[in-house]
Each structure stands twice: as C-alpha cells, then as structure tokens.
PDB file of N, CA and C in Angstrom:
ATOM      1  N   UNK A   1      67.772  13.179 -76.696  1.00  0.00           N
ATOM      2  CA  UNK A   1      66.521  13.076 -76.854  1.00  0.00           C
ATOM      3  C   UNK A   1      65.656  14.464 -76.354  1.00  0.00           C
ATOM      4  N   UNK A   2      65.262  15.045 -77.256  1.00  0.00           N
ATOM      5  CA  UNK A   2      64.530  16.573 -77.278  1.00  0.00           C
ATOM      6  C   UNK A   2      63.642  16.814 -75.876  1.00  0.00           C
ATOM      7  N   UNK A   3      63.473  17.489 -74.928  1.00  0.00           N
ATOM      8  CA  UNK A   3      62.527  17.996 -74.057  1.00  0.00           C
ATOM      9  C   UNK A   3      61.624  18.692 -74.888  1.00  0.00           C
ATOM     10  N   UNK A   4      60.381  18.717 -74.156  1.00  0.00           N
ATOM     11  CA  UNK A   4      59.119  19.800 -74.417  1.00  0.00           C
ATOM     12  C   UNK A   4      58.676  20.071 -72.959  1.00  0.00           C
ATOM     13  N   UNK A   5      58.735  21.702 -73.138  1.00  0.00           N
ATOM     14  CA  UNK A   5      58.938  22.271 -71.913  1.00  0.00           C
ATOM     15  C   UNK A   5      57.521  23.299 -72.235  1.00  0.00           C
ATOM     16  N   UNK A   6      56.546  22.997 -71.031  1.00  0.00           N
ATOM     17  CA  UNK A   6      55.394  23.326 -71.533  1.00  0.00           C
ATOM     18  C   UNK A   6      54.451  23.629 -69.735  1.00  0.00           C
ATOM     19  N   UNK A   7      53.997  24.482 -69.312  1.00  0.00           N
ATOM     20  CA  UNK A   7      53.363  24.493 -67.913  1.00  0.00           C
ATOM     21  C   UNK A   7      52.078  23.509 -67.694  1.00  0.00           C
ATOM     22  N   UNK A   8      52.615  22.926 -66.537  1.00  0.00           N
ATOM     23  CA  UNK A   8      51.922  21.919 -66.194  1.00  0.00           C
ATOM     24  C   UNK A   8      51.716  21.647 -64.726  1.00  0.00           C
ATOM     25  N   UNK A   9      50.359  21.965 -64.307  1.00  0.00           N
ATOM     26  CA  UNK A   9      50.448  21.675 -62.602  1.00  0.00           C
ATOM     27  C   UNK A   9      50.428  22.761 -62.326  1.00  0.00           C
ATOM     28  N   UNK A  10      51.793  22.809 -61.799  1.00  0.00           N
ATOM     29  CA  UNK A  10      52.007  24.287 -60.633  1.00  0.00           C
ATOM     30  C   UNK A  10      53.184  25.009 -61.399  1.00  0.00           C
ATOM     31  N   UNK A  11      53.602  24.668 -62.707  1.00  0.00           N
ATOM     32  CA  UNK A  11      54.750  25.795 -63.089  1.00  0.00           C
ATOM     33  C   UNK A  11      55.420  24.902 -64.327  1.00  0.00           C
ATOM     34  N   UNK A  12      56.282  25.303 -64.748  1.00  0.00           N
ATOM     35  CA  UNK A  12      57.252  24.881 -66.356  1.00  0.00           C
ATOM     36  C   UNK A  12      57.520  23.826 -65.816  1.00  0.00           C
ATOM     37  N   UNK A  13      57.579  22.643 -66.659  1.00  0.00           N
ATOM     38  CA  UNK A  13      58.080  21.318 -66.778  1.00  0.00           C
ATOM     39  C   UNK A  13      58.550  20.996 -67.913  1.00  0.00           C
ATOM     40  N   UNK A  14      59.402  20.126 -67.827  1.00  0.00           N
ATOM     41  CA  UNK A  14      60.006  19.568 -68.848  1.00  0.00           C
ATOM     42  C   UNK A  14      59.471  18.069 -69.355  1.00  0.00           C
ATOM     43  N   UNK A  15      59.356  17.682 -70.039  1.00  0.00           N
ATOM     44  CA  UNK A  15      58.725  16.659 -70.740  1.00  0.00           C
ATOM     45  C   UNK A  15      59.422  15.600 -71.653  1.00  0.00           C
ATOM     46  N   UNK A  16      59.589  14.501 -71.208  1.00  0.00           N
ATOM     47  CA  UNK A  16      61.033  14.014 -72.596  1.00  0.00           C
ATOM     48  C   UNK A  16      60.665  12.139 -72.653  1.00  0.00           C
ATOM     49  N   UNK A  17      60.434  11.476 -74.123  1.00  0.00           N
ATOM     50  CA  UNK A  17      60.716  10.112 -73.381  1.00  0.00           C
ATOM     51  C   UNK A  17      61.695   9.494 -73.662  1.00  0.00           C
ATOM     52  N   UNK A  18      62.622   8.714 -73.054  1.00  0.00           N
ATOM     53  CA  UNK A  18      63.909   8.524 -73.278  1.00  0.00           C
ATOM     54  C   UNK A  18      63.488   6.807 -73.953  1.00  0.00           C
ATOM     55  N   UNK A  19      64.764   6.120 -74.693  1.00  0.00           N
ATOM     56  CA  UNK A  19      64.455   4.707 -75.079  1.00  0.00           C
ATOM     57  C   UNK A  19      64.018   4.148 -74.121  1.00  0.00           C
ATOM     58  N   UNK A  20      64.393   3.981 -72.781  1.00  0.00           N
ATOM     59  CA  UNK A  20      64.101   2.998 -71.645  1.00  0.00           C
ATOM     60  C   UNK A  20      62.728   3.459 -71.415  1.00  0.00           C
ATOM     61  N   UNK A  21      62.059   4.984 -71.376  1.00  0.00           N
ATOM     62  CA  UNK A  21      60.999   5.227 -71.073  1.00  0.00           C
ATOM     63  C   UNK A  21      59.817   4.901 -72.031  1.00  0.00           C
ATOM     64  N   UNK A  22      60.187   4.804 -73.775  1.00  0.00           N
ATOM     65  CA  UNK A  22      59.509   4.427 -74.027  1.00  0.00           C
ATOM     66  C   UNK A  22      59.091   2.954 -74.407  1.00  0.00           C
ATOM     67  N   UNK A  23      60.055   2.273 -73.868  1.00  0.00           N
ATOM     68  CA  UNK A  23      59.368   0.564 -73.349  1.00  0.00           C
ATOM     69  C   UNK A  23      58.834   0.388 -72.837  1.00  0.00           C
ATOM     70  N   UNK A  24      58.733   1.510 -71.386  1.00  0.00           N
ATOM     71  CA  UNK A  24      57.993   1.489 -70.202  1.00  0.00           C
ATOM     72  C   UNK A  24      56.687   1.828 -70.659  1.00  0.00           C
ATOM     73  N   UNK A  25      56.972   3.135 -71.657  1.00  0.00           N
ATOM     74  CA  UNK A  25      55.414   2.748 -72.108  1.00  0.00           C
ATOM     75  C   UNK A  25      54.481   1.991 -73.009  1.00  0.00           C
ATOM     76  N   UNK A  26      55.416   1.653 -73.823  1.00  0.00           N
ATOM     77  CA  UNK A  26      54.716   0.524 -74.360  1.00  0.00           C
ATOM     78  C   UNK A  26      54.173  -0.975 -74.055  1.00  0.00           C
ATOM     79  N   UNK A  27      55.180  -1.000 -72.315  1.00  0.00           N
ATOM     80  CA  UNK A  27      54.460  -2.053 -71.676  1.00  0.00           C
ATOM     81  C   UNK A  27      53.302  -1.776 -70.972  1.00  0.00           C
ATOM     82  N   UNK A  28      53.586  -0.418 -70.398  1.00  0.00           N
ATOM     83  CA  UNK A  28      52.177   0.133 -69.447  1.00  0.00           C
ATOM     84  C   UNK A  28      50.937   0.083 -70.878  1.00  0.00           C
ATOM     85  N   UNK A  29      51.181   0.357 -71.729  1.00  0.00           N
ATOM     86  CA  UNK A  29      49.957   0.837 -72.693  1.00  0.00           C
ATOM     87  C   UNK A  29      48.982  -0.243 -73.662  1.00  0.00           C
ATOM     88  N   UNK A  30      50.379  -1.426 -73.825  1.00  0.00           N
ATOM     89  CA  UNK A  30      50.118  -2.568 -74.444  1.00  0.00           C
ATOM     90  C   UNK A  30      49.813  -1.858 -75.923  1.00  0.00           C
ATOM     91  N   UNK A  31      50.299  -0.531 -76.185  1.00  0.00           N
ATOM     92  CA  UNK A  31      50.560  -0.055 -77.686  1.00  0.00           C
ATOM     93  C   UNK A  31      51.970  -0.082 -77.853  1.00  0.00           C
ATOM     94  N   UNK A  32      52.519   0.124 -79.465  1.00  0.00           N
ATOM     95  CA  UNK A  32      53.646   0.157 -80.053  1.00  0.00           C
ATOM     96  C   UNK A  32      54.271   1.930 -79.840  1.00  0.00           C
ATOM     97  N   UNK A  33      54.924   2.294 -79.890  1.00  0.00           N
ATOM     98  CA  UNK A  33      55.175   3.857 -79.934  1.00  0.00           C
ATOM     99  C   UNK A  33      55.024   4.189 -81.264  1.00  0.00           C
ATOM    100  N   UNK A  34      55.233   3.513 -82.232  1.00  0.00           N
ATOM    101  CA  UNK A  34      55.009   3.816 -83.709  1.00  0.00           C
ATOM    102  C   UNK A  34      53.240   3.775 -83.913  1.00  0.00           C
ATOM    103  N   UNK A  35      52.380   3.310 -83.230  1.00  0.00           N
ATOM    104  CA  UNK A  35      51.053   3.299 -82.685  1.00  0.00           C
ATOM    105  C   UNK A  35      50.504   4.494 -82.344  1.00  0.00           C
ATOM    106  N   UNK A  36      51.425   4.531 -81.333  1.00  0.00           N
ATOM    107  CA  UNK A  36      50.769   5.914 -80.486  1.00  0.00           C
ATOM    108  C   UNK A  36      51.112   6.999 -81.167  1.00  0.00           C
ATOM    109  N   UNK A  37      52.483   7.584 -81.890  1.00  0.00           N
ATOM    110  CA  UNK A  37      52.436   8.090 -82.337  1.00  0.00           C
ATOM    111  C   UNK A  37      51.799   8.673 -83.589  1.00  0.00           C
ATOM    112  N   UNK A  38      51.257   8.357 -83.936  1.00  0.00           N
ATOM    113  CA  UNK A  38      50.466   8.451 -85.313  1.00  0.00           C
ATOM    114  C   UNK A  38      48.978   8.224 -85.164  1.00  0.00           C
ATOM    115  N   UNK A  39      48.151   7.681 -84.003  1.00  0.00           N
ATOM    116  CA  UNK A  39      46.928   7.671 -83.835  1.00  0.00           C
ATOM    117  C   UNK A  39      46.321   9.078 -82.764  1.00  0.00           C
ATOM    118  N   UNK A  40      47.537   9.004 -81.802  1.00  0.00           N
ATOM    119  CA  UNK A  40      47.375  10.146 -80.775  1.00  0.00           C
ATOM    120  C   UNK A  40      47.123  11.611 -81.516  1.00  0.00           C
ATOM    121  N   UNK A  41      47.629  11.974 -82.029  1.00  0.00           N
ATOM    122  CA  UNK A  41      47.446  13.055 -82.628  1.00  0.00           C
ATOM    123  C   UNK A  41      45.811  13.577 -83.244  1.00  0.00           C
ATOM    124  N   UNK A  42      45.665  12.035 -84.179  1.00  0.00           N
ATOM    125  CA  UNK A  42      44.255  12.347 -84.487  1.00  0.00           C
ATOM    126  C   UNK A  42      43.056  12.152 -83.380  1.00  0.00           C
ATOM    127  N   UNK A  43      43.445  11.923 -82.172  1.00  0.00           N
ATOM    128  CA  UNK A  43      42.523  11.758 -81.054  1.00  0.00           C
ATOM    129  C   UNK A  43      41.986  10.760 -80.694  1.00  0.00           C
ATOM    130  N   UNK A  44      42.507   9.409 -81.182  1.00  0.00           N
ATOM    131  CA  UNK A  44      42.457   7.908 -81.093  1.00  0.00           C
ATOM    132  C   UNK A  44      42.943   7.631 -80.166  1.00  0.00           C
ATOM    133  N   UNK A  45      43.043   7.445 -79.027  1.00  0.00           N
ATOM    134  CA  UNK A  45      43.543   7.356 -77.363  1.00  0.00           C
ATOM    135  C   UNK A  45      42.859   6.809 -76.519  1.00  0.00           C
ATOM    136  N   UNK A  46      43.605   6.365 -75.580  1.00  0.00           N
ATOM    137  CA  UNK A  46      42.838   5.702 -73.988  1.00  0.00           C
ATOM    138  C   UNK A  46      43.215   6.785 -73.252  1.00  0.00           C
ATOM    139  N   UNK A  47      42.660   6.781 -72.104  1.00  0.00           N
ATOM    140  CA  UNK A  47      42.398   8.237 -70.783  1.00  0.00           C
ATOM    141  C   UNK A  47      43.928   7.371 -70.565  1.00  0.00           C
ATOM    142  N   UNK A  48      44.110   6.446 -70.105  1.00  0.00           N
ATOM    143  CA  UNK A  48      45.158   5.501 -69.349  1.00  0.00           C
ATOM    144  C   UNK A  48      46.435   5.929 -70.276  1.00  0.00           C
ATOM    145  N   UNK A  49      46.280   5.790 -71.563  1.00  0.00           N
ATOM    146  CA  UNK A  49      47.252   6.208 -72.466  1.00  0.00           C
ATOM    147  C   UNK A  49      48.050   7.531 -72.132  1.00  0.00           C
ATOM    148  N   UNK A  50      47.252   8.784 -72.381  1.00  0.00           N
ATOM    149  CA  UNK A  50      47.376   9.998 -71.888  1.00  0.00           C
ATOM    150  C   UNK A  50      47.865  10.348 -70.778  1.00  0.00           C
ATOM    151  N   UNK A  51      47.881   9.403 -69.312  1.00  0.00           N
ATOM    152  CA  UNK A  51      48.057   9.894 -68.432  1.00  0.00           C
ATOM    153  C   UNK A  51      49.440   9.210 -68.078  1.00  0.00           C
ATOM    154  N   UNK A  52      50.106   8.037 -69.058  1.00  0.00           N
ATOM    155  CA  UNK A  52      51.110   7.320 -69.359  1.00  0.00           C
ATOM    156  C   UNK A  52      52.522   8.067 -69.751  1.00  0.00           C
ATOM    157  N   UNK A  53      51.644   8.908 -70.865  1.00  0.00           N
ATOM    158  CA  UNK A  53      52.373   9.126 -71.568  1.00  0.00           C
ATOM    159  C   UNK A  53      52.808  10.779 -70.608  1.00  0.00           C
ATOM    160  N   UNK A  54      52.418  11.174 -69.910  1.00  0.00           N
ATOM    161  CA  UNK A  54      52.537  12.358 -69.099  1.00  0.00           C
ATOM    162  C   UNK A  54      53.524  12.038 -68.229  1.00  0.00           C
ATOM    163  N   UNK A  55      52.987  10.862 -67.181  1.00  0.00           N
ATOM    164  CA  UNK A  55      53.962  10.418 -66.465  1.00  0.00           C
ATOM    165  C   UNK A  55      55.030  10.419 -66.556  1.00  0.00           C
ATOM    166  N   UNK A  56      55.460   9.172 -67.623  1.00  0.00           N
ATOM    167  CA  UNK A  56      57.021   9.230 -67.946  1.00  0.00           C
ATOM    168  C   UNK A  56      57.376  10.178 -68.531  1.00  0.00           C
ATOM    169  N   UNK A  57      57.301  11.002 -69.474  1.00  0.00           N
ATOM    170  CA  UNK A  57      57.130  12.151 -69.837  1.00  0.00           C
ATOM    171  C   UNK A  57      58.159  13.451 -69.000  1.00  0.00           C
ATOM    172  N   UNK A  58      56.949  13.370 -67.774  1.00  0.00           N
ATOM    173  CA  UNK A  58      57.662  14.278 -66.661  1.00  0.00           C
ATOM    174  C   UNK A  58      59.137  13.423 -65.727  1.00  0.00           C
ATOM    175  N   UNK A  59      58.957  11.871 -65.891  1.00  0.00           N
ATOM    176  CA  UNK A  59      60.181  11.100 -65.412  1.00  0.00           C
ATOM    177  C   UNK A  59      61.594  11.601 -66.772  1.00  0.00           C
ATOM    178  N   UNK A  60      60.927  11.373 -67.346  1.00  0.00           N
ATOM    179  CA  UNK A  60      62.092  11.840 -68.600  1.00  0.00           C
ATOM    180  C   UNK A  60      62.563  12.976 -68.550  1.00  0.00           C
ATOM    181  N   UNK A  61      61.978  14.177 -68.033  1.00  0.00           N
ATOM    182  CA  UNK A  61      62.418  15.288 -68.032  1.00  0.00           C
ATOM    183  C   UNK A  61      62.822  15.816 -66.894  1.00  0.00           C
ATOM    184  N   UNK A  62      63.229  14.794 -65.928  1.00  0.00           N
ATOM    185  CA  UNK A  62      63.591  15.046 -64.707  1.00  0.00           C
ATOM    186  C   UNK A  62      62.857  15.275 -63.247  1.00  0.00           C
ATOM    187  N   UNK A  63      61.670  15.043 -63.266  1.00  0.00           N
ATOM    188  CA  UNK A  63      61.007  14.930 -62.243  1.00  0.00           C
ATOM    189  C   UNK A  63      60.924  14.142 -61.776  1.00  0.00           C
ATOM    190  N   UNK A  64      61.185  13.997 -60.419  1.00  0.00           N
ATOM    191  CA  UNK A  64      61.347  12.294 -59.705  1.00  0.00           C
ATOM    192  C   UNK A  64      59.856  11.368 -60.158  1.00  0.00           C
ATOM    193  N   UNK A  65      59.892  10.553 -59.948  1.00  0.00           N
ATOM    194  CA  UNK A  65      59.126   9.227 -60.237  1.00  0.00           C
ATOM    195  C   UNK A  65      57.768   9.545 -58.869  1.00  0.00           C
ATOM    196  N   UNK A  66      58.066   9.673 -57.691  1.00  0.00           N
ATOM    197  CA  UNK A  66      57.002   9.770 -56.914  1.00  0.00           C
ATOM    198  C   UNK A  66      56.086  11.192 -57.197  1.00  0.00           C
ATOM    199  N   UNK A  67      56.752  12.485 -57.258  1.00  0.00           N
ATOM    200  CA  UNK A  67      56.351  13.641 -57.753  1.00  0.00           C
ATOM    201  C   UNK A  67      55.552  13.609 -59.406  1.00  0.00           C
ATOM    202  N   UNK A  68      56.181  12.879 -60.194  1.00  0.00           N
ATOM    203  CA  UNK A  68      55.466  12.651 -61.848  1.00  0.00           C
ATOM    204  C   UNK A  68      54.113  11.802 -61.212  1.00  0.00           C
ATOM    205  N   UNK A  69      53.668  10.921 -60.705  1.00  0.00           N
ATOM    206  CA  UNK A  69      52.617  10.273 -60.237  1.00  0.00           C
ATOM    207  C   UNK A  69      51.891  11.075 -59.952  1.00  0.00           C
ATOM    208  N   UNK A  70      51.840  11.634 -58.892  1.00  0.00           N
ATOM    209  CA  UNK A  70      51.428  13.035 -58.352  1.00  0.00           C
ATOM    210  C   UNK A  70      51.051  14.034 -58.881  1.00  0.00           C
ATOM    211  N   UNK A  71      51.899  14.198 -60.019  1.00  0.00           N
ATOM    212  CA  UNK A  71      51.127  15.081 -61.000  1.00  0.00           C
ATOM    213  C   UNK A  71      50.472  14.783 -61.922  1.00  0.00           C
ATOM    214  N   UNK A  72      50.661  13.462 -62.461  1.00  0.00           N
ATOM    215  CA  UNK A  72      49.893  12.922 -63.586  1.00  0.00           C
ATOM    216  C   UNK A  72      48.533  12.742 -63.263  1.00  0.00           C
ATOM    217  N   UNK A  73      48.401  12.217 -62.035  1.00  0.00           N
ATOM    218  CA  UNK A  73      47.372  12.060 -61.190  1.00  0.00           C
ATOM    219  C   UNK A  73      46.192  13.070 -60.813  1.00  0.00           C
ATOM    220  N   UNK A  74      47.293  14.516 -60.528  1.00  0.00           N
ATOM    221  CA  UNK A  74      46.113  15.293 -60.211  1.00  0.00           C
ATOM    222  C   UNK A  74      46.221  16.467 -61.406  1.00  0.00           C
ATOM    223  N   UNK A  75      46.895  16.289 -62.229  1.00  0.00           N
ATOM    224  CA  UNK A  75      46.542  17.782 -63.275  1.00  0.00           C
ATOM    225  C   UNK A  75      46.308  16.587 -64.620  1.00  0.00           C
ATOM    226  N   UNK A  76      46.666  15.883 -65.149  1.00  0.00           N
ATOM    227  CA  UNK A  76      46.135  14.995 -66.389  1.00  0.00           C
ATOM    228  C   UNK A  76      45.105  13.964 -66.006  1.00  0.00           C
ATOM    229  N   UNK A  77      44.916  12.729 -64.854  1.00  0.00           N
ATOM    230  CA  UNK A  77      43.788  11.877 -64.965  1.00  0.00           C
ATOM    231  C   UNK A  77      42.272  12.863 -64.466  1.00  0.00           C
ATOM    232  N   UNK A  78      42.561  13.745 -63.765  1.00  0.00           N
ATOM    233  CA  UNK A  78      41.169  14.273 -63.120  1.00  0.00           C
ATOM    234  C   UNK A  78      40.815  15.515 -63.770  1.00  0.00           C
ATOM    235  N   UNK A  79      41.972  16.423 -65.069  1.00  0.00           N
ATOM    236  CA  UNK A  79      41.633  17.787 -65.356  1.00  0.00           C
ATOM    237  C   UNK A  79      40.974  17.475 -67.075  1.00  0.00           C
ATOM    238  N   UNK A  80      40.494  18.552 -67.544  1.00  0.00           N
ATOM    239  CA  UNK A  80      40.130  18.298 -68.599  1.00  0.00           C
ATOM    240  C   UNK A  80      41.001  17.908 -69.751  1.00  0.00           C
ATOM    241  N   UNK A  81      41.127  16.969 -70.814  1.00  0.00           N
ATOM    242  CA  UNK A  81      41.786  16.931 -71.875  1.00  0.00           C
ATOM    243  C   UNK A  81      42.272  17.566 -72.426  1.00  0.00           C
ATOM    244  N   UNK A  82      41.668  18.771 -72.920  1.00  0.00           N
ATOM    245  CA  UNK A  82      42.435  19.952 -73.330  1.00  0.00           C
ATOM    246  C   UNK A  82      43.801  20.474 -72.556  1.00  0.00           C
ATOM    247  N   UNK A  83      43.743  20.064 -71.322  1.00  0.00           N
ATOM    248  CA  UNK A  83      44.750  20.437 -70.322  1.00  0.00           C
ATOM    249  C   UNK A  83      46.250  19.829 -70.962  1.00  0.00           C
ATOM    250  N   UNK A  84      46.004  18.634 -70.899  1.00  0.00           N
ATOM    251  CA  UNK A  84      47.130  17.536 -71.096  1.00  0.00           C
ATOM    252  C   UNK A  84      47.498  17.239 -72.071  1.00  0.00           C
ATOM    253  N   UNK A  85      46.332  17.360 -73.398  1.00  0.00           N
ATOM    254  CA  UNK A  85      46.474  16.390 -74.663  1.00  0.00           C
ATOM    255  C   UNK A  85      47.716  16.947 -75.461  1.00  0.00           C
ATOM    256  N   UNK A  86      47.549  18.599 -75.722  1.00  0.00           N
ATOM    257  CA  UNK A  86      48.458  19.422 -77.090  1.00  0.00           C
ATOM    258  C   UNK A  86      49.988  18.512 -76.038  1.00  0.00           C
ATOM    259  N   UNK A  87      50.300  18.285 -74.562  1.00  0.00           N
ATOM    260  CA  UNK A  87      51.735  18.428 -74.240  1.00  0.00           C
ATOM    261  C   UNK A  87      52.054  16.639 -74.463  1.00  0.00           C
ATOM    262  N   UNK A  88      50.984  16.228 -74.352  1.00  0.00           N
ATOM    263  CA  UNK A  88      51.301  14.501 -74.761  1.00  0.00           C
ATOM    264  C   UNK A  88      51.721  14.250 -75.977  1.00  0.00           C
ATOM    265  N   UNK A  89      50.852  14.954 -77.155  1.00  0.00           N
ATOM    266  CA  UNK A  89      51.354  15.445 -78.535  1.00  0.00           C
ATOM    267  C   UNK A  89      52.395  15.243 -78.745  1.00  0.00           C
ATOM    268  N   UNK A  90      52.983  16.745 -78.016  1.00  0.00           N
ATOM    269  CA  UNK A  90      53.920  17.309 -78.454  1.00  0.00           C
ATOM    270  C   UNK A  90      55.169  16.415 -78.182  1.00  0.00           C
ATOM    271  N   UNK A  91      55.011  16.008 -76.853  1.00  0.00           N
ATOM    272  CA  UNK A  91      55.868  14.767 -76.373  1.00  0.00           C
ATOM    273  C   UNK A  91      56.411  14.102 -77.614  1.00  0.00           C
ATOM    274  N   UNK A  92      55.215  13.220 -77.894  1.00  0.00           N
ATOM    275  CA  UNK A  92      55.162  12.310 -79.000  1.00  0.00           C
ATOM    276  C   UNK A  92      55.873  12.663 -80.016  1.00  0.00           C
ATOM    277  N   UNK A  93      55.566  13.791 -80.647  1.00  0.00           N
ATOM    278  CA  UNK A  93      55.562  14.665 -82.056  1.00  0.00           C
ATOM    279  C   UNK A  93      57.345  14.725 -81.816  1.00  0.00           C
ATOM    280  N   UNK A  94      57.993  14.957 -80.440  1.00  0.00           N
ATOM    281  CA  UNK A  94      59.486  15.381 -80.083  1.00  0.00           C
ATOM    282  C   UNK A  94      60.445  13.662 -80.583  1.00  0.00           C
ATOM    283  N   UNK A  95      59.158  12.818 -79.988  1.00  0.00           N
ATOM    284  CA  UNK A  95      60.450  11.246 -80.168  1.00  0.00           C
ATOM    285  C   UNK A  95      60.028  10.945 -81.577  1.00  0.00           C
ATOM    286  N   UNK A  96      58.922  11.375 -82.583  1.00  0.00           N
ATOM    287  CA  UNK A  96      59.046  10.925 -83.906  1.00  0.00           C
ATOM    288  C   UNK A  96      60.139  11.589 -84.777  1.00  0.00           C
ATOM    289  N   UNK A  97      59.781  13.258 -84.630  1.00  0.00           N
ATOM    290  CA  UNK A  97      60.334  14.366 -85.121  1.00  0.00           C
ATOM    291  C   UNK A  97      61.791  14.585 -85.061  1.00  0.00           C
ATOM    292  N   UNK A  98      62.023  14.244 -83.440  1.00  0.00           N
ATOM    293  CA  UNK A  98      62.963  14.819 -82.886  1.00  0.00           C
ATOM    294  C   UNK A  98      63.277  16.049 -82.416  1.00  0.00           C
ATOM    295  N   UNK A  99      61.964  16.747 -82.535  1.00  0.00           N
ATOM    296  CA  UNK A  99      61.628  18.255 -81.696  1.00  0.00           C
ATOM    297  C   UNK A  99      60.349  18.116 -81.844  1.00  0.00           C
ATOM    298  N   UNK A 100      59.460  18.633 -80.769  1.00  0.00           N
ATOM    299  CA  UNK A 100      57.896  19.314 -80.824  1.00  0.00           C
ATOM    300  C   UNK A 100      57.746  20.407 -81.915  1.00  0.00           C
ATOM    301  N   UNK A 101      56.182  19.727 -82.477  1.00  0.00           N
ATOM    302  CA  UNK A 101      55.746  20.871 -83.451  1.00  0.00           C
ATOM    303  C   UNK A 101      55.349  22.220 -82.827  1.00  0.00           C
ATOM    304  N   UNK A 102      55.886  23.583 -83.329  1.00  0.00           N
ATOM    305  CA  UNK A 102      54.800  24.923 -83.047  1.00  0.00           C
ATOM    306  C   UNK A 102      53.501  24.761 -82.111  1.00  0.00           C
ATOM    307  N   UNK A 103      53.538  25.331 -81.541  1.00  0.00           N
ATOM    308  CA  UNK A 103      51.886  25.055 -81.422  1.00  0.00           C
ATOM    309  C   UNK A 103      51.264  26.106 -80.715  1.00  0.00           C
ATOM    310  N   UNK A 104      49.620  26.635 -80.931  1.00  0.00           N
ATOM    311  CA  UNK A 104      49.386  27.651 -80.547  1.00  0.00           C
ATOM    312  C   UNK A 104      48.411  27.040 -79.426  1.00  0.00           C
ATOM    313  N   UNK A 105      48.870  27.672 -77.732  1.00  0.00           N
ATOM    314  CA  UNK A 105      48.114  27.466 -76.759  1.00  0.00           C
ATOM    315  C   UNK A 105      46.944  27.001 -77.105  1.00  0.00           C
ATOM    316  N   UNK A 106      46.332  26.136 -76.384  1.00  0.00           N
ATOM    317  CA  UNK A 106      45.005  25.109 -76.313  1.00  0.00           C
ATOM    318  C   UNK A 106      44.908  24.178 -77.548  1.00  0.00           C
ATOM    319  N   UNK A 107      46.051  24.018 -78.217  1.00  0.00           N
ATOM    320  CA  UNK A 107      46.090  23.620 -79.596  1.00  0.00           C
ATOM    321  C   UNK A 107      46.459  22.704 -80.050  1.00  0.00           C
ATOM    322  N   UNK A 108      46.052  21.624 -80.022  1.00  0.00           N
ATOM    323  CA  UNK A 108      46.883  20.512 -80.706  1.00  0.00           C
ATOM    324  C   UNK A 108      47.709  20.280 -81.688  1.00  0.00           C
ATOM    325  N   UNK A 109      48.731  20.288 -82.145  1.00  0.00           N
ATOM    326  CA  UNK A 109      49.627  20.584 -83.516  1.00  0.00           C
ATOM    327  C   UNK A 109      48.732  19.862 -84.745  1.00  0.00           C
ATOM    328  N   UNK A 110      49.150  19.875 -85.557  1.00  0.00           N
ATOM    329  CA  UNK A 110      48.449  19.215 -86.768  1.00  0.00           C
ATOM    330  C   UNK A 110      49.650  18.665 -87.402  1.00  0.00           C
ATOM    331  N   UNK A 111      49.250  17.670 -87.959  1.00  0.00           N
ATOM    332  CA  UNK A 111      50.269  16.721 -89.340  1.00  0.00           C
ATOM    333  C   UNK A 111      50.213  17.403 -90.429  1.00  0.00           C
ATOM    334  N   UNK A 112      51.174  17.438 -91.189  1.00  0.00           N
ATOM    335  CA  UNK A 112      51.457  18.220 -92.077  1.00  0.00           C
ATOM    336  C   UNK A 112      51.121  17.689 -92.789  1.00  0.00           C
TER     337      UNK A 112
END
C-alpha cells in the first residue's frame, strides 16, 4: 500500500489506507470504496466521510488511533475543507491508482 505524505496539523504525516482500514472506512461511511474513489475528487462527499478518510489514513500511515482521532477532530473536522480535502483525494487516488497523483499545494488533483 502506497503512503501519501503531507503536512497535516503540526507536521509531516504519512497517510495510507490498508485493506483492513478500507473495510472499516466502508463500514463507518456506509459507502463502498469504489464510490468514494470516484465521487470524492468531484467534490461529492459528506463531511463525515472526509474526516474518516483522514483519521483512518493517519492510522494506516503509522499514527496511533488516539492521536489520529485527535488530529482528525482538530485539523479535519474543525478547519476549512480546503486544508484536508486534497489529502483525502490523494489518499483515495493512492488506493485507486497505487500512487498519489502529483498536486499543486492547495489544489485537488484532477482526473485525467
């Protein structure tokens, strides 16, 4: 599983969704991973889905579950979407493509 590295919260963090975490993401959001991967880059998502992607991807990247929950609550749930949306999209693209698409800071990746 490819990790995406980005500044989040107070420093650089690794984000990755492992197969087990994908199952948990589907359970928590009620949406299939394929649906999330296809509609998220289009901006069609719920706030709770964004926060769960960030939280679970932090865990997959090596952050403890408690710290991941605190970071997601502070820096995804309570901050502007423009800060966490590009990370969530890159994480989902890593699941879909095997590697995150290159982005310009502050912009969401585009679908080719």
